[in-house]
Protein backbone atom coordinates (compact mmCIF):
# COMPACT_ATOMS: atom_id res chain seq x y z
CA UNK A 1 0.00 0.00 0.00
CA UNK A 2 1.38 3.43 -0.99
CA UNK A 3 2.19 5.70 1.93
CA UNK A 4 0.33 9.04 1.97
CA UNK A 5 2.47 12.01 0.94
CA UNK A 6 3.52 13.86 4.12
CA UNK A 7 2.25 17.45 4.40
CA UNK A 8 4.60 20.30 3.48
CA UNK A 9 5.02 22.14 6.78
CA UNK A 10 6.98 25.27 7.62
CA UNK A 11 6.79 28.67 9.27
CA UNK A 12 7.33 32.38 8.76
CA UNK A 13 10.93 33.35 9.50
CA UNK A 14 12.85 36.59 10.03
CA UNK A 15 15.10 38.01 7.28
CA UNK A 16 17.40 39.72 9.79
CA UNK A 17 20.92 39.41 8.41
CA UNK A 18 19.72 38.69 4.88
CA UNK A 19 16.98 36.78 3.09
CA UNK A 20 19.09 33.61 3.09
CA UNK A 21 19.09 33.70 6.89
CA UNK A 22 15.31 33.08 6.87
CA UNK A 23 16.03 29.79 5.08
CA UNK A 24 18.70 28.87 7.62
CA UNK A 25 16.31 29.60 10.49
CA UNK A 26 13.63 27.51 8.82
CA UNK A 27 15.99 24.57 8.37
CA UNK A 28 17.13 24.83 12.00
CA UNK A 29 13.60 24.23 13.31
CA UNK A 30 12.74 21.48 10.84
CA UNK A 31 10.70 23.30 8.19
CA UNK A 32 10.12 21.91 4.71
CA UNK A 33 8.82 25.29 3.44
CA UNK A 34 9.39 28.91 4.49
CA UNK A 35 7.50 32.22 4.41
CA UNK A 36 9.24 35.59 4.78
CA UNK A 37 8.88 39.31 4.22
CA UNK A 38 11.02 40.73 1.41
CA UNK A 39 11.52 43.95 3.42
CA UNK A 40 10.60 45.54 6.75
CA UNK A 41 6.84 44.97 6.87
CA UNK A 42 6.14 48.13 8.88
CA UNK A 43 7.91 50.59 6.58
CA UNK A 44 7.06 51.85 3.12
CA UNK A 45 10.63 52.25 1.93
CA UNK A 46 13.15 49.48 1.48
CA UNK A 47 16.80 49.36 0.57
CA UNK A 48 17.38 47.89 -2.90
CA UNK A 49 18.05 44.17 -2.94
CA UNK A 50 21.77 43.39 -3.12
CA UNK A 51 22.82 41.88 -6.46
CA UNK A 52 23.64 38.60 -4.78
CA UNK A 53 20.40 38.37 -2.73
CA UNK A 54 18.65 36.06 -5.18
CA UNK A 55 21.58 33.67 -5.75
CA UNK A 56 22.34 33.51 -2.00
CA UNK A 57 18.69 32.85 -1.20
CA UNK A 58 18.42 30.09 -3.79
CA UNK A 59 21.71 28.54 -2.68
CA UNK A 60 20.45 28.46 0.92
CA UNK A 61 17.27 26.71 -0.23
CA UNK A 62 19.30 24.05 -2.06
CA UNK A 63 21.52 23.46 0.97
CA UNK A 64 18.49 23.12 3.24
CA UNK A 65 16.53 20.96 0.81
CA UNK A 66 13.60 23.39 0.99
CA UNK A 67 11.68 23.65 -2.27
CA UNK A 68 8.66 25.74 -1.32
CA UNK A 69 8.72 29.45 -0.47
CA UNK A 70 6.25 32.30 -0.29
CA UNK A 71 6.57 35.98 0.64
CA UNK A 72 4.09 38.11 2.58
CA UNK A 73 3.47 41.74 1.73
CA UNK A 74 3.67 44.75 4.05
CA UNK A 75 0.82 45.41 6.47
CA UNK A 76 0.83 49.07 5.36
CA UNK A 77 -0.47 48.24 1.89
CA UNK A 78 -4.20 48.83 1.39
CA UNK A 79 -5.42 48.23 -2.16
CA UNK A 80 -9.02 48.97 -1.10
CA UNK A 81 -8.34 52.43 0.33
CA UNK A 82 -10.69 55.24 -0.77
CA UNK A 83 -7.84 57.70 -0.16
CA UNK A 84 -6.31 58.32 -3.60
CA UNK A 85 -2.79 58.95 -2.34
CA UNK A 86 -2.75 55.91 -0.04
CA UNK A 87 -4.22 53.75 -2.83
CA UNK A 88 -1.57 54.96 -5.30
CA UNK A 89 1.19 54.41 -2.75
CA UNK A 90 -0.16 50.94 -1.99
CA UNK A 91 -0.14 49.99 -5.67
CA UNK A 92 3.47 51.16 -6.05
CA UNK A 93 4.53 49.30 -2.89
CA UNK A 94 2.75 46.12 -3.94
CA UNK A 95 4.39 46.19 -7.35
CA UNK A 96 7.79 46.71 -5.76
CA UNK A 97 7.26 43.80 -3.37
CA UNK A 98 6.19 41.57 -6.24
CA UNK A 99 9.38 42.55 -8.08
CA UNK A 100 11.46 41.76 -5.00
CA UNK A 101 9.83 38.34 -4.64
CA UNK A 102 10.47 37.69 -8.33
CA UNK A 103 14.14 38.68 -8.00
CA UNK A 104 14.51 36.22 -5.10
CA UNK A 105 12.84 33.45 -7.10
CA UNK A 106 9.83 33.30 -4.76
CA UNK A 107 6.74 32.22 -6.73
CA UNK A 108 4.02 33.93 -4.69
CA UNK A 109 3.31 37.05 -2.62
CA UNK A 110 0.55 36.66 -0.01
CA UNK A 111 -1.57 39.80 0.35
CA UNK A 112 -4.56 40.82 2.45
CA UNK A 113 -7.07 42.20 -0.07
CA UNK A 114 -7.51 45.51 1.81
CA UNK A 115 -9.86 47.53 4.03
CA UNK A 116 -12.46 49.95 2.66
CA UNK A 117 -12.18 52.20 5.80
CA UNK A 118 -14.50 55.18 5.21
CA UNK A 119 -15.74 53.81 1.89
CA UNK A 120 -18.12 50.99 1.06
CA UNK A 121 -17.63 47.26 0.59
CA UNK A 122 -18.61 47.53 -3.07
CA UNK A 123 -16.23 50.44 -3.66
CA UNK A 124 -13.40 48.67 -1.84
CA UNK A 125 -13.71 45.55 -3.98
CA UNK A 126 -13.68 47.67 -7.14
CA UNK A 127 -10.52 49.48 -6.03
CA UNK A 128 -8.81 46.13 -5.31
CA UNK A 129 -9.68 44.91 -8.82
CA UNK A 130 -8.40 48.15 -10.37
CA UNK A 131 -5.19 47.96 -8.32
CA UNK A 132 -4.46 44.36 -9.29
CA UNK A 133 -5.09 45.09 -12.96
CA UNK A 134 -2.65 48.00 -12.80
CA UNK A 135 -0.03 45.87 -11.01
CA UNK A 136 -0.44 43.05 -13.53
CA UNK A 137 -0.16 45.46 -16.46
CA UNK A 138 2.98 47.15 -15.15
CA UNK A 139 4.52 43.87 -13.98
CA UNK A 140 3.64 41.83 -17.06
CA UNK A 141 7.09 40.21 -17.11
CA UNK A 142 6.99 38.99 -13.52
CA UNK A 143 6.60 35.30 -12.72
CA UNK A 144 5.69 35.82 -9.04
CA UNK A 145 1.96 35.75 -8.40
CA UNK A 146 -0.33 37.54 -5.95
CA UNK A 147 -2.03 35.19 -3.48
CA UNK A 148 -5.14 36.77 -1.95
CA UNK A 149 -5.44 35.80 1.71
CA UNK A 150 -8.66 34.97 3.51
CA UNK A 151 -9.11 37.46 6.36
CA UNK A 152 -10.87 37.53 9.72
CA UNK A 153 -12.93 40.57 8.70
CA UNK A 154 -11.65 42.77 11.49
CA UNK A 155 -12.81 46.36 11.11
CA UNK A 156 -13.55 47.00 7.42
CA UNK A 157 -11.11 44.38 6.06
CA UNK A 158 -12.37 42.64 2.93
CA UNK A 159 -11.71 39.00 2.12
CA UNK A 160 -13.51 37.49 5.13
CA UNK A 161 -16.34 36.29 2.93
CA UNK A 162 -15.41 33.70 0.32
CA UNK A 163 -17.54 35.71 -2.09
CA UNK A 164 -15.13 38.66 -1.77
CA UNK A 165 -12.24 36.60 -3.12
CA UNK A 166 -14.42 35.09 -5.83
CA UNK A 167 -15.56 38.51 -7.03
CA UNK A 168 -12.01 39.87 -7.19
CA UNK A 169 -10.79 36.84 -9.14
CA UNK A 170 -13.75 36.96 -11.52
CA UNK A 171 -13.43 40.69 -12.21
CA UNK A 172 -9.69 41.08 -12.79
CA UNK A 173 -8.48 40.93 -16.39
CA UNK A 174 -5.93 38.19 -15.74
CA UNK A 175 -7.48 35.86 -13.16
CA UNK A 176 -4.99 33.11 -14.04
CA UNK A 177 -2.28 35.20 -12.34
CA UNK A 178 -4.01 35.06 -8.94
CA UNK A 179 -3.88 32.40 -6.24
CA UNK A 180 -5.35 32.16 -2.73
CA UNK A 181 -3.84 31.71 0.72
CA UNK A 182 -6.23 29.96 3.14
CA UNK A 183 -5.68 31.06 6.76
CA UNK A 184 -7.29 28.77 9.36
CA UNK A 185 -7.54 31.38 12.12
CA UNK A 186 -8.98 33.98 9.76
CA UNK A 187 -11.54 31.65 8.20
CA UNK A 188 -12.69 30.51 11.65
CA UNK A 189 -12.90 34.06 13.02
CA UNK A 190 -14.87 35.03 9.92
CA UNK A 191 -17.52 32.45 10.84
CA UNK A 192 -16.58 29.34 8.85
CA UNK A 193 -16.22 26.37 11.20
CA UNK A 194 -13.56 23.66 10.80
CA UNK A 195 -13.74 21.83 14.15
CA UNK A 196 -15.64 18.65 13.33
CA UNK A 197 -15.47 16.45 10.26
CA UNK A 198 -18.99 17.45 9.25
CA UNK A 199 -18.49 21.22 9.47
CA UNK A 200 -14.98 21.00 7.97
CA UNK A 201 -16.40 19.26 4.92
CA UNK A 202 -19.24 21.79 4.69
CA UNK A 203 -16.83 24.73 4.83
CA UNK A 204 -14.53 23.21 2.20
CA UNK A 205 -17.49 22.41 -0.05
CA UNK A 206 -18.56 26.03 0.17
CA UNK A 207 -15.06 27.30 -0.55
CA UNK A 208 -14.76 24.96 -3.52
CA UNK A 209 -18.13 26.05 -4.88
CA UNK A 210 -17.50 29.78 -4.43
CA UNK A 211 -13.75 30.15 -5.06
CA UNK A 212 -12.33 26.74 -5.96
CA UNK A 213 -10.00 24.54 -3.93
CA UNK A 214 -7.67 24.51 -6.94
CA UNK A 215 -7.00 28.21 -6.24
CA UNK A 216 -5.35 27.48 -2.87
CA UNK A 217 -1.57 27.79 -3.29
CA UNK A 218 -0.60 28.38 0.35
CA UNK A 219 -2.15 27.68 3.75
CA UNK A 220 -1.53 29.54 7.00
CA UNK A 221 -1.82 27.22 10.01
CA UNK A 222 -2.91 29.24 13.04
CA UNK A 223 -5.20 28.43 15.94
CA UNK A 224 -7.47 31.25 17.12
CA UNK A 225 -7.53 33.05 20.47
CA UNK A 226 -11.05 34.23 19.73
CA UNK A 227 -14.17 32.19 19.04
CA UNK A 228 -16.04 31.35 15.86
CA UNK A 229 -17.40 34.44 14.08
CA UNK A 230 -15.58 36.93 16.34
CA UNK A 231 -14.00 38.63 13.30
CA UNK A 232 -10.92 39.26 15.46
CA UNK A 233 -7.51 38.26 14.11
CA UNK A 234 -5.54 36.76 17.02
CA UNK A 235 -3.30 33.78 16.34
CA UNK A 236 -2.66 31.02 18.89
CA UNK A 237 -0.45 27.92 19.07
CA UNK A 238 -1.79 24.81 17.36
CA UNK A 239 -4.39 23.06 19.52
CA UNK A 240 -4.41 25.74 22.23
CA UNK A 241 -7.09 28.00 20.82
CA UNK A 242 -10.76 27.78 19.96
CA UNK A 243 -10.07 25.72 16.83
CA UNK A 244 -8.38 22.87 18.71
CA UNK A 245 -6.36 19.97 17.34
CA UNK A 246 -9.18 18.22 15.49
CA UNK A 247 -9.60 21.05 12.99
CA UNK A 248 -5.95 20.77 11.94
CA UNK A 249 -6.20 16.99 11.75
CA UNK A 250 -9.01 17.33 9.20
CA UNK A 251 -6.93 19.76 7.14
CA UNK A 252 -3.74 17.70 7.30
CA UNK A 253 -5.61 14.56 6.18
CA UNK A 254 -7.35 16.31 3.27
CA UNK A 255 -5.70 14.64 0.27
CA UNK A 256 -6.82 17.47 -2.00
CA UNK A 257 -4.47 19.81 -0.14
CA UNK A 258 -1.45 17.56 0.43
CA UNK A 259 0.51 19.33 -2.34
CA UNK A 260 -0.09 22.79 -0.82
CA UNK A 261 2.69 24.25 1.41
CA UNK A 262 1.41 25.06 4.92
CA UNK A 263 3.04 27.84 6.95
CA UNK A 264 2.83 28.52 10.68
CA UNK A 265 2.25 32.11 11.79
CA UNK A 266 1.91 31.21 15.45
CA UNK A 267 3.55 33.27 18.24
CA UNK A 268 7.35 33.19 18.25
CA UNK A 269 9.55 32.58 21.28
CA UNK A 270 10.45 29.56 23.39
CA UNK A 271 8.71 27.37 25.90
CA UNK A 272 10.89 25.58 28.45
CA UNK A 273 13.88 26.16 26.20
CA UNK A 274 12.29 24.78 23.03
CA UNK A 275 11.50 26.99 20.04
CA UNK A 276 7.75 27.50 19.58
CA UNK A 277 8.01 26.64 15.87
CA UNK A 278 9.53 23.27 16.81
CA UNK A 279 6.68 22.61 19.25
CA UNK A 280 3.95 23.57 16.76
CA UNK A 281 5.54 21.57 13.94
CA UNK A 282 5.80 18.59 16.30
CA UNK A 283 2.08 18.86 17.06
CA UNK A 284 1.18 19.11 13.37
CA UNK A 285 3.29 16.08 12.43
CA UNK A 286 1.74 14.07 15.24
CA UNK A 287 -1.73 14.96 13.94
CA UNK A 288 -0.72 14.17 10.36
CA UNK A 289 0.51 10.72 11.44
CA UNK A 290 -2.63 9.98 13.44
CA UNK A 291 -4.85 7.37 11.83
CA UNK A 292 -2.26 6.19 9.29
């Protein structure tokens, strides 16, 4: 009997000291994939990438045996903003981050769709579509793709309804250039349950019907400090939040998603001298092995 393919598990890592250092940190805690920022995520400006950044990053991946990477964009970017100057600045920043990911050889850039703030949901979705079309047009040569992330729906953030993502994908001129990042904490906080086999299957059926499971190119594995439908984005260690271990077991055993890299965004630090990423990866691998 053929053994099931093990899940591709990793975590977000710091780029302090260079982008290649994120790979080294990932390898040190036992990751088989790695997520990183391409620049300081709380600043608009970024120093140009050194000429050797891409080759050093790719060499580090080869040494570590890590084949899957994804970048995450800056939290300052808001492609749904009704403020013309902030929208324009967000488009420029997003394009620059996509170019940086491309230069590093990273295939995807995870992005929160945006928040409509003082505007309307309808207007915010239209601005996101217009922004993505402009980015695609100006970055026509880029191989790196935007991955729209499911959100918790905190404040006026869009992307917490599956329909939001579907509408953006359907309305952009080049939908084939978009992927999706499925975040467990965000989906749960948005009101989609994953905790039992029955509700997990129902949620995934709905996602497949509205967006398409084939669109998922990255998964964020985060438990939730807040309960179902809270629309509050607070990540917790695997199995210690309101989602609990069973939700992750369903996801890890979903054969349709076994090829999709899964990245921890759980709290950093150490517990009794052991790195939190090590502890969370250990829990995930135990759950993945359960029932084999």
